[in-house]
PDB file of N, CA and C in Angstrom:
ATOM      1  N   UNK A   1     -45.336   5.252 102.069  1.00  0.00           N
ATOM      2  CA  UNK A   1     -44.748   5.634 100.551  1.00  0.00           C
ATOM      3  C   UNK A   1     -44.823   3.554 100.305  1.00  0.00           C
ATOM      4  N   UNK A   2     -45.457   4.158  98.593  1.00  0.00           N
ATOM      5  CA  UNK A   2     -46.372   2.659  98.185  1.00  0.00           C
ATOM      6  C   UNK A   2     -45.896   1.986  97.340  1.00  0.00           C
ATOM      7  N   UNK A   3     -45.263   0.659  96.697  1.00  0.00           N
ATOM      8  CA  UNK A   3     -45.337  -0.149  96.321  1.00  0.00           C
ATOM      9  C   UNK A   3     -44.358   0.447  94.343  1.00  0.00           C
ATOM     10  N   UNK A   4     -45.337   1.563  94.191  1.00  0.00           N
ATOM     11  CA  UNK A   4     -45.118   1.612  92.620  1.00  0.00           C
ATOM     12  C   UNK A   4     -43.536   2.834  92.904  1.00  0.00           C
ATOM     13  N   UNK A   5     -44.054   3.906  93.754  1.00  0.00           N
ATOM     14  CA  UNK A   5     -42.458   4.513  94.233  1.00  0.00           C
ATOM     15  C   UNK A   5     -41.375   3.668  94.655  1.00  0.00           C
ATOM     16  N   UNK A   6     -41.653   3.054  95.203  1.00  0.00           N
ATOM     17  CA  UNK A   6     -40.067   1.896  96.077  1.00  0.00           C
ATOM     18  C   UNK A   6     -39.858   1.048  94.310  1.00  0.00           C
ATOM     19  N   UNK A   7     -40.651   0.882  93.537  1.00  0.00           N
ATOM     20  CA  UNK A   7     -40.358   0.061  92.240  1.00  0.00           C
ATOM     21  C   UNK A   7     -39.447   1.815  91.707  1.00  0.00           C
ATOM     22  N   UNK A   8     -39.799   3.045  90.883  1.00  0.00           N
ATOM     23  CA  UNK A   8     -39.898   4.103  90.677  1.00  0.00           C
ATOM     24  C   UNK A   8     -38.065   4.008  91.356  1.00  0.00           C
ATOM     25  N   UNK A   9     -38.001   4.080  92.280  1.00  0.00           N
ATOM     26  CA  UNK A   9     -36.865   4.303  93.586  1.00  0.00           C
ATOM     27  C   UNK A   9     -36.029   3.478  92.941  1.00  0.00           C
ATOM     28  N   UNK A  10     -35.666   2.327  92.985  1.00  0.00           N
ATOM     29  CA  UNK A  10     -35.269   0.649  92.570  1.00  0.00           C
ATOM     30  C   UNK A  10     -34.069   0.694  91.515  1.00  0.00           C
ATOM     31  N   UNK A  11     -35.741   1.018  90.199  1.00  0.00           N
ATOM     32  CA  UNK A  11     -35.270   1.496  89.122  1.00  0.00           C
ATOM     33  C   UNK A  11     -34.600   2.864  88.263  1.00  0.00           C
ATOM     34  N   UNK A  12     -34.385   3.640  89.531  1.00  0.00           N
ATOM     35  CA  UNK A  12     -32.967   4.870  89.789  1.00  0.00           C
ATOM     36  C   UNK A  12     -32.185   4.773  90.003  1.00  0.00           C
ATOM     37  N   UNK A  13     -32.156   2.992  91.538  1.00  0.00           N
ATOM     38  CA  UNK A  13     -30.845   4.167  92.154  1.00  0.00           C
ATOM     39  C   UNK A  13     -29.787   1.932  91.025  1.00  0.00           C
ATOM     40  N   UNK A  14     -30.565   1.699  90.264  1.00  0.00           N
ATOM     41  CA  UNK A  14     -30.159   0.403  90.077  1.00  0.00           C
ATOM     42  C   UNK A  14     -29.218   1.127  88.791  1.00  0.00           C
ATOM     43  N   UNK A  15     -30.291   2.519  88.261  1.00  0.00           N
ATOM     44  CA  UNK A  15     -29.797   2.762  86.840  1.00  0.00           C
ATOM     45  C   UNK A  15     -28.241   3.800  86.874  1.00  0.00           C
ATOM     46  N   UNK A  16     -27.853   4.376  88.611  1.00  0.00           N
ATOM     47  CA  UNK A  16     -26.305   5.106  88.756  1.00  0.00           C
ATOM     48  C   UNK A  16     -25.744   4.413  89.094  1.00  0.00           C
ATOM     49  N   UNK A  17     -26.295   3.020  90.009  1.00  0.00           N
ATOM     50  CA  UNK A  17     -25.301   2.837  90.811  1.00  0.00           C
ATOM     51  C   UNK A  17     -25.151   1.290  90.003  1.00  0.00           C
ATOM     52  N   UNK A  18     -23.224   0.886  90.403  1.00  0.00           N
ATOM     53  CA  UNK A  18     -23.543  -0.274  90.048  1.00  0.00           C
ATOM     54  C   UNK A  18     -23.245  -0.620  91.747  1.00  0.00           C
ATOM     55  N   UNK A  19     -24.030  -2.575  91.842  1.00  0.00           N
ATOM     56  CA  UNK A  19     -23.420  -2.863  93.024  1.00  0.00           C
ATOM     57  C   UNK A  19     -22.879  -4.107  92.747  1.00  0.00           C
ATOM     58  N   UNK A  20     -21.806  -4.272  94.706  1.00  0.00           N
ATOM     59  CA  UNK A  20     -22.133  -3.210  95.665  1.00  0.00           C
ATOM     60  C   UNK A  20     -21.269  -1.714  95.503  1.00  0.00           C
ATOM     61  N   UNK A  21     -22.325  -0.257  96.358  1.00  0.00           N
ATOM     62  CA  UNK A  21     -22.121   0.395  95.918  1.00  0.00           C
ATOM     63  C   UNK A  21     -21.608   1.453  97.032  1.00  0.00           C
ATOM     64  N   UNK A  22     -20.893   2.109  97.140  1.00  0.00           N
ATOM     65  CA  UNK A  22     -20.899   3.457  98.502  1.00  0.00           C
ATOM     66  C   UNK A  22     -22.316   4.429  98.580  1.00  0.00           C
ATOM     67  N   UNK A  23     -23.227   4.206  99.307  1.00  0.00           N
ATOM     68  CA  UNK A  23     -24.187   4.977  98.808  1.00  0.00           C
ATOM     69  C   UNK A  23     -24.223   5.696 100.961  1.00  0.00           C
ATOM     70  N   UNK A  24     -24.414   7.160 100.138  1.00  0.00           N
ATOM     71  CA  UNK A  24     -24.916   8.039 100.903  1.00  0.00           C
ATOM     72  C   UNK A  24     -26.190   8.201 102.095  1.00  0.00           C
ATOM     73  N   UNK A  25     -27.278   8.071 102.609  1.00  0.00           N
ATOM     74  CA  UNK A  25     -27.864   8.176 103.573  1.00  0.00           C
ATOM     75  C   UNK A  25     -28.565   9.900 103.862  1.00  0.00           C
ATOM     76  N   UNK A  26     -29.175  10.402 104.176  1.00  0.00           N
ATOM     77  CA  UNK A  26     -29.143  12.233 104.839  1.00  0.00           C
ATOM     78  C   UNK A  26     -30.517  11.520 105.392  1.00  0.00           C
ATOM     79  N   UNK A  27     -30.976  12.300 106.307  1.00  0.00           N
ATOM     80  CA  UNK A  27     -31.596  12.034 107.018  1.00  0.00           C
ATOM     81  C   UNK A  27     -32.029  13.307 108.713  1.00  0.00           C
ATOM     82  N   UNK A  28     -32.760  13.657 107.616  1.00  0.00           N
ATOM     83  CA  UNK A  28     -32.959  14.574 109.740  1.00  0.00           C
ATOM     84  C   UNK A  28     -33.963  14.853 110.303  1.00  0.00           C
ATOM     85  N   UNK A  29     -33.562  14.619 111.405  1.00  0.00           N
ATOM     86  CA  UNK A  29     -35.024  13.534 112.276  1.00  0.00           C
ATOM     87  C   UNK A  29     -35.167  15.189 113.689  1.00  0.00           C
ATOM     88  N   UNK A  30     -36.121  14.444 114.247  1.00  0.00           N
ATOM     89  CA  UNK A  30     -36.309  15.663 115.185  1.00  0.00           C
ATOM     90  C   UNK A  30     -34.728  15.693 116.382  1.00  0.00           C
ATOM     91  N   UNK A  31     -34.689  16.200 117.391  1.00  0.00           N
ATOM     92  CA  UNK A  31     -33.423  16.142 118.251  1.00  0.00           C
ATOM     93  C   UNK A  31     -33.662  14.812 119.431  1.00  0.00           C
ATOM     94  N   UNK A  32     -34.719  15.191 119.820  1.00  0.00           N
ATOM     95  CA  UNK A  32     -35.465  13.790 120.634  1.00  0.00           C
ATOM     96  C   UNK A  32     -35.292  12.528 119.916  1.00  0.00           C
ATOM     97  N   UNK A  33     -35.663  12.579 118.474  1.00  0.00           N
ATOM     98  CA  UNK A  33     -35.599  10.857 118.404  1.00  0.00           C
ATOM     99  C   UNK A  33     -34.246  10.831 117.256  1.00  0.00           C
ATOM    100  N   UNK A  34     -32.975  11.143 117.228  1.00  0.00           N
ATOM    101  CA  UNK A  34     -31.983  11.140 116.627  1.00  0.00           C
ATOM    102  C   UNK A  34     -31.311   9.578 117.238  1.00  0.00           C
ATOM    103  N   UNK A  35     -31.538   9.293 118.621  1.00  0.00           N
ATOM    104  CA  UNK A  35     -30.704   7.885 118.976  1.00  0.00           C
ATOM    105  C   UNK A  35     -32.025   6.658 118.993  1.00  0.00           C
ATOM    106  N   UNK A  36     -32.743   7.101 118.013  1.00  0.00           N
ATOM    107  CA  UNK A  36     -34.229   6.517 117.696  1.00  0.00           C
ATOM    108  C   UNK A  36     -33.341   6.013 116.195  1.00  0.00           C
ATOM    109  N   UNK A  37     -32.636   7.173 115.478  1.00  0.00           N
ATOM    110  CA  UNK A  37     -31.815   6.369 114.446  1.00  0.00           C
ATOM    111  C   UNK A  37     -30.902   6.231 114.894  1.00  0.00           C
ATOM    112  N   UNK A  38     -29.523   6.863 115.512  1.00  0.00           N
ATOM    113  CA  UNK A  38     -28.884   5.626 115.536  1.00  0.00           C
ATOM    114  C   UNK A  38     -28.876   4.137 115.995  1.00  0.00           C
ATOM    115  N   UNK A  39     -29.774   3.683 116.856  1.00  0.00           N
ATOM    116  CA  UNK A  39     -29.699   2.129 117.024  1.00  0.00           C
ATOM    117  C   UNK A  39     -30.481   1.410 115.837  1.00  0.00           C
ATOM    118  N   UNK A  40     -30.579   2.228 114.760  1.00  0.00           N
ATOM    119  CA  UNK A  40     -30.903   1.292 113.011  1.00  0.00           C
ATOM    120  C   UNK A  40     -29.901   1.179 112.526  1.00  0.00           C
ATOM    121  N   UNK A  41     -28.034   1.906 112.967  1.00  0.00           N
ATOM    122  CA  UNK A  41     -26.687   2.075 112.298  1.00  0.00           C
ATOM    123  C   UNK A  41     -26.120   1.544 112.634  1.00  0.00           C
ATOM    124  N   UNK A  42     -25.602   0.595 114.277  1.00  0.00           N
ATOM    125  CA  UNK A  42     -25.074  -0.036 115.412  1.00  0.00           C
ATOM    126  C   UNK A  42     -24.064   0.214 114.550  1.00  0.00           C
ATOM    127  N   UNK A  43     -23.501  -0.101 113.801  1.00  0.00           N
ATOM    128  CA  UNK A  43     -22.576  -0.856 113.355  1.00  0.00           C
ATOM    129  C   UNK A  43     -21.165   0.426 112.431  1.00  0.00           C
ATOM    130  N   UNK A  44     -22.329   1.365 112.575  1.00  0.00           N
ATOM    131  CA  UNK A  44     -21.622   2.930 111.850  1.00  0.00           C
ATOM    132  C   UNK A  44     -21.026   4.458 111.685  1.00  0.00           C
ATOM    133  N   UNK A  45     -20.871   4.718 111.427  1.00  0.00           N
ATOM    134  CA  UNK A  45     -19.824   6.098 112.811  1.00  0.00           C
ATOM    135  C   UNK A  45     -21.005   6.863 111.677  1.00  0.00           C
ATOM    136  N   UNK A  46     -21.520   7.872 112.358  1.00  0.00           N
ATOM    137  CA  UNK A  46     -21.641   9.713 111.500  1.00  0.00           C
ATOM    138  C   UNK A  46     -20.675   9.994 110.592  1.00  0.00           C
ATOM    139  N   UNK A  47     -20.989  10.459 109.282  1.00  0.00           N
ATOM    140  CA  UNK A  47     -19.907  10.734 108.711  1.00  0.00           C
ATOM    141  C   UNK A  47     -19.896  12.224 108.893  1.00  0.00           C
ATOM    142  N   UNK A  48     -21.473  12.619 109.277  1.00  0.00           N
ATOM    143  CA  UNK A  48     -21.624  13.801 109.415  1.00  0.00           C
ATOM    144  C   UNK A  48     -22.987  14.442 110.407  1.00  0.00           C
ATOM    145  N   UNK A  49     -23.163  15.378 111.396  1.00  0.00           N
ATOM    146  CA  UNK A  49     -23.712  15.221 112.579  1.00  0.00           C
ATOM    147  C   UNK A  49     -23.889  16.691 112.245  1.00  0.00           C
ATOM    148  N   UNK A  50     -25.050  17.439 112.340  1.00  0.00           N
ATOM    149  CA  UNK A  50     -25.680  18.829 111.984  1.00  0.00           C
ATOM    150  C   UNK A  50     -26.940  19.662 113.023  1.00  0.00           C
ATOM    151  N   UNK A  51     -26.549  20.234 113.832  1.00  0.00           N
ATOM    152  CA  UNK A  51     -27.695  20.233 114.510  1.00  0.00           C
ATOM    153  C   UNK A  51     -28.556  21.910 113.865  1.00  0.00           C
ATOM    154  N   UNK A  52     -29.689  21.878 114.213  1.00  0.00           N
ATOM    155  CA  UNK A  52     -30.170  23.023 113.659  1.00  0.00           C
ATOM    156  C   UNK A  52     -30.169  24.431 114.393  1.00  0.00           C
ATOM    157  N   UNK A  53     -30.397  25.527 114.328  1.00  0.00           N
ATOM    158  CA  UNK A  53     -30.096  26.422 114.669  1.00  0.00           C
ATOM    159  C   UNK A  53     -30.699  26.556 115.865  1.00  0.00           C
ATOM    160  N   UNK A  54     -31.853  26.099 116.262  1.00  0.00           N
ATOM    161  CA  UNK A  54     -32.390  26.519 117.611  1.00  0.00           C
ATOM    162  C   UNK A  54     -31.606  24.979 118.639  1.00  0.00           C
ATOM    163  N   UNK A  55     -31.439  23.484 117.712  1.00  0.00           N
ATOM    164  CA  UNK A  55     -31.823  22.443 118.354  1.00  0.00           C
ATOM    165  C   UNK A  55     -32.563  21.779 118.200  1.00  0.00           C
ATOM    166  N   UNK A  56     -33.762  22.046 117.346  1.00  0.00           N
ATOM    167  CA  UNK A  56     -34.855  21.208 117.318  1.00  0.00           C
ATOM    168  C   UNK A  56     -34.435  19.297 116.402  1.00  0.00           C
ATOM    169  N   UNK A  57     -33.504  20.192 116.002  1.00  0.00           N
ATOM    170  CA  UNK A  57     -33.609  19.237 115.032  1.00  0.00           C
ATOM    171  C   UNK A  57     -32.165  18.475 114.280  1.00  0.00           C
ATOM    172  N   UNK A  58     -31.953  17.449 113.795  1.00  0.00           N
ATOM    173  CA  UNK A  58     -30.593  17.258 114.534  1.00  0.00           C
ATOM    174  C   UNK A  58     -30.757  16.271 112.233  1.00  0.00           C
ATOM    175  N   UNK A  59     -29.888  16.743 111.458  1.00  0.00           N
ATOM    176  CA  UNK A  59     -28.894  15.337 110.593  1.00  0.00           C
ATOM    177  C   UNK A  59     -27.736  15.147 110.381  1.00  0.00           C
ATOM    178  N   UNK A  60     -28.913  13.962 109.992  1.00  0.00           N
ATOM    179  CA  UNK A  60     -27.654  12.370 110.681  1.00  0.00           C
ATOM    180  C   UNK A  60     -27.399  12.333 108.970  1.00  0.00           C
ATOM    181  N   UNK A  61     -26.038  12.268 108.401  1.00  0.00           N
ATOM    182  CA  UNK A  61     -25.371  11.515 106.665  1.00  0.00           C
ATOM    183  C   UNK A  61     -24.584  10.075 107.832  1.00  0.00           C
ATOM    184  N   UNK A  62     -25.235   9.424 106.994  1.00  0.00           N
ATOM    185  CA  UNK A  62     -23.986   8.019 106.867  1.00  0.00           C
ATOM    186  C   UNK A  62     -23.782   7.737 105.797  1.00  0.00           C
ATOM    187  N   UNK A  63     -21.747   7.153 105.572  1.00  0.00           N
ATOM    188  CA  UNK A  63     -22.319   6.887 103.954  1.00  0.00           C
ATOM    189  C   UNK A  63     -21.963   4.659 104.534  1.00  0.00           C
ATOM    190  N   UNK A  64     -22.241   3.717 103.701  1.00  0.00           N
ATOM    191  CA  UNK A  64     -22.706   2.247 103.630  1.00  0.00           C
ATOM    192  C   UNK A  64     -22.512   1.857 102.698  1.00  0.00           C
ATOM    193  N   UNK A  65     -21.960   0.362 102.513  1.00  0.00           N
ATOM    194  CA  UNK A  65     -21.564  -0.242 101.094  1.00  0.00           C
ATOM    195  C   UNK A  65     -22.216  -0.992 101.501  1.00  0.00           C
ATOM    196  N   UNK A  66     -22.889  -0.451  99.862  1.00  0.00           N
ATOM    197  CA  UNK A  66     -25.101  -1.511 100.336  1.00  0.00           C
ATOM    198  C   UNK A  66     -24.564  -2.508  98.757  1.00  0.00           C
ATOM    199  N   UNK A  67     -24.960  -3.659  98.903  1.00  0.00           N
ATOM    200  CA  UNK A  67     -25.223  -4.836  98.132  1.00  0.00           C
ATOM    201  C   UNK A  67     -25.918  -4.353  96.679  1.00  0.00           C
ATOM    202  N   UNK A  68     -27.263  -4.446  96.740  1.00  0.00           N
ATOM    203  CA  UNK A  68     -28.215  -4.200  96.216  1.00  0.00           C
ATOM    204  C   UNK A  68     -28.398  -2.717  96.633  1.00  0.00           C
ATOM    205  N   UNK A  69     -29.562  -2.240  95.288  1.00  0.00           N
ATOM    206  CA  UNK A  69     -30.854  -1.265  94.986  1.00  0.00           C
ATOM    207  C   UNK A  69     -31.755  -1.719  96.463  1.00  0.00           C
ATOM    208  N   UNK A  70     -32.441  -3.327  96.126  1.00  0.00           N
ATOM    209  CA  UNK A  70     -33.046  -3.367  97.460  1.00  0.00           C
ATOM    210  C   UNK A  70     -33.061  -3.406  98.447  1.00  0.00           C
ATOM    211  N   UNK A  71     -31.536  -3.187  99.211  1.00  0.00           N
ATOM    212  CA  UNK A  71     -31.045  -3.405 100.817  1.00  0.00           C
ATOM    213  C   UNK A  71     -30.955  -1.709 101.138  1.00  0.00           C
ATOM    214  N   UNK A  72     -30.991  -0.866 100.465  1.00  0.00           N
ATOM    215  CA  UNK A  72     -31.447   0.714 100.345  1.00  0.00           C
ATOM    216  C   UNK A  72     -32.641   0.744 100.831  1.00  0.00           C
ATOM    217  N   UNK A  73     -33.422   0.101  99.724  1.00  0.00           N
ATOM    218  CA  UNK A  73     -34.748  -0.182 100.027  1.00  0.00           C
ATOM    219  C   UNK A  73     -35.004  -0.220 101.212  1.00  0.00           C
ATOM    220  N   UNK A  74     -34.750  -1.584 102.048  1.00  0.00           N
ATOM    221  CA  UNK A  74     -34.970  -1.315 103.414  1.00  0.00           C
ATOM    222  C   UNK A  74     -34.502  -0.729 104.295  1.00  0.00           C
ATOM    223  N   UNK A  75     -33.571  -0.335 104.037  1.00  0.00           N
ATOM    224  CA  UNK A  75     -33.083   0.486 105.584  1.00  0.00           C
ATOM    225  C   UNK A  75     -33.661   1.881 105.443  1.00  0.00           C
ATOM    226  N   UNK A  76     -34.955   2.686 104.238  1.00  0.00           N
ATOM    227  CA  UNK A  76     -35.625   3.711 104.130  1.00  0.00           C
ATOM    228  C   UNK A  76     -36.818   3.647 104.285  1.00  0.00           C
ATOM    229  N   UNK A  77     -37.223   2.168 103.729  1.00  0.00           N
ATOM    230  CA  UNK A  77     -37.554   1.180 105.293  1.00  0.00           C
ATOM    231  C   UNK A  77     -38.187   1.781 106.558  1.00  0.00           C
ATOM    232  N   UNK A  78     -37.137   0.927 107.310  1.00  0.00           N
ATOM    233  CA  UNK A  78     -36.699   0.989 108.629  1.00  0.00           C
ATOM    234  C   UNK A  78     -36.830   1.813 109.431  1.00  0.00           C
ATOM    235  N   UNK A  79     -35.731   3.035 108.207  1.00  0.00           N
ATOM    236  CA  UNK A  79     -35.847   4.521 108.997  1.00  0.00           C
ATOM    237  C   UNK A  79     -38.203   5.014 109.288  1.00  0.00           C
ATOM    238  N   UNK A  80     -38.473   5.027 108.091  1.00  0.00           N
ATOM    239  CA  UNK A  80     -40.133   5.468 108.019  1.00  0.00           C
ATOM    240  C   UNK A  80     -40.724   5.389 109.402  1.00  0.00           C
ATOM    241  N   UNK A  81     -39.985   4.505 110.091  1.00  0.00           N
ATOM    242  CA  UNK A  81     -40.869   4.424 111.651  1.00  0.00           C
ATOM    243  C   UNK A  81     -41.116   5.243 111.950  1.00  0.00           C
ATOM    244  N   UNK A  82     -39.619   6.500 112.389  1.00  0.00           N
ATOM    245  CA  UNK A  82     -39.507   6.590 113.098  1.00  0.00           C
ATOM    246  C   UNK A  82     -40.037   8.276 112.520  1.00  0.00           C
ATOM    247  N   UNK A  83     -41.106   8.254 113.644  1.00  0.00           N
ATOM    248  CA  UNK A  83     -41.783   9.631 113.929  1.00  0.00           C
ATOM    249  C   UNK A  83     -41.259  10.718 113.450  1.00  0.00           C
ATOM    250  N   UNK A  84     -41.472  11.719 111.914  1.00  0.00           N
ATOM    251  CA  UNK A  84     -40.577  13.150 112.708  1.00  0.00           C
ATOM    252  C   UNK A  84     -39.980  13.495 111.281  1.00  0.00           C
ATOM    253  N   UNK A  85     -39.080  12.376 111.273  1.00  0.00           N
ATOM    254  CA  UNK A  85     -38.089  11.936 110.183  1.00  0.00           C
ATOM    255  C   UNK A  85     -38.291  12.743 108.522  1.00  0.00           C
ATOM    256  N   UNK A  86     -37.053  12.711 107.759  1.00  0.00           N
ATOM    257  CA  UNK A  86     -37.040  13.968 106.224  1.00  0.00           C
ATOM    258  C   UNK A  86     -36.069  12.496 106.409  1.00  0.00           C
ATOM    259  N   UNK A  87     -36.243  12.596 104.905  1.00  0.00           N
ATOM    260  CA  UNK A  87     -35.073  11.234 104.661  1.00  0.00           C
ATOM    261  C   UNK A  87     -34.582  12.212 102.738  1.00  0.00           C
ATOM    262  N   UNK A  88     -33.322  12.114 103.227  1.00  0.00           N
ATOM    263  CA  UNK A  88     -32.899  13.373 102.634  1.00  0.00           C
ATOM    264  C   UNK A  88     -32.357  12.595 100.892  1.00  0.00           C
TER     265      UNK A  88
END
């Protein structure tokens, strides 16, 4: 993801949220990578977890109180290092 994409995303976040705000993160990750994702959210309880039909993938949803659009973007930057992750 390039700088322009993040700037556009920041503008959209700021338009739709009044910070601080509760923000929902949803990811689909290969099942063998789910612990790597969970380690990035050590203090947060998964609000929802669902395995794919064959068990190869896991959908994880986190709700977090975020102070700003920049903090949301930082989370997405951190998780982008996980191979095979899809952010929804």
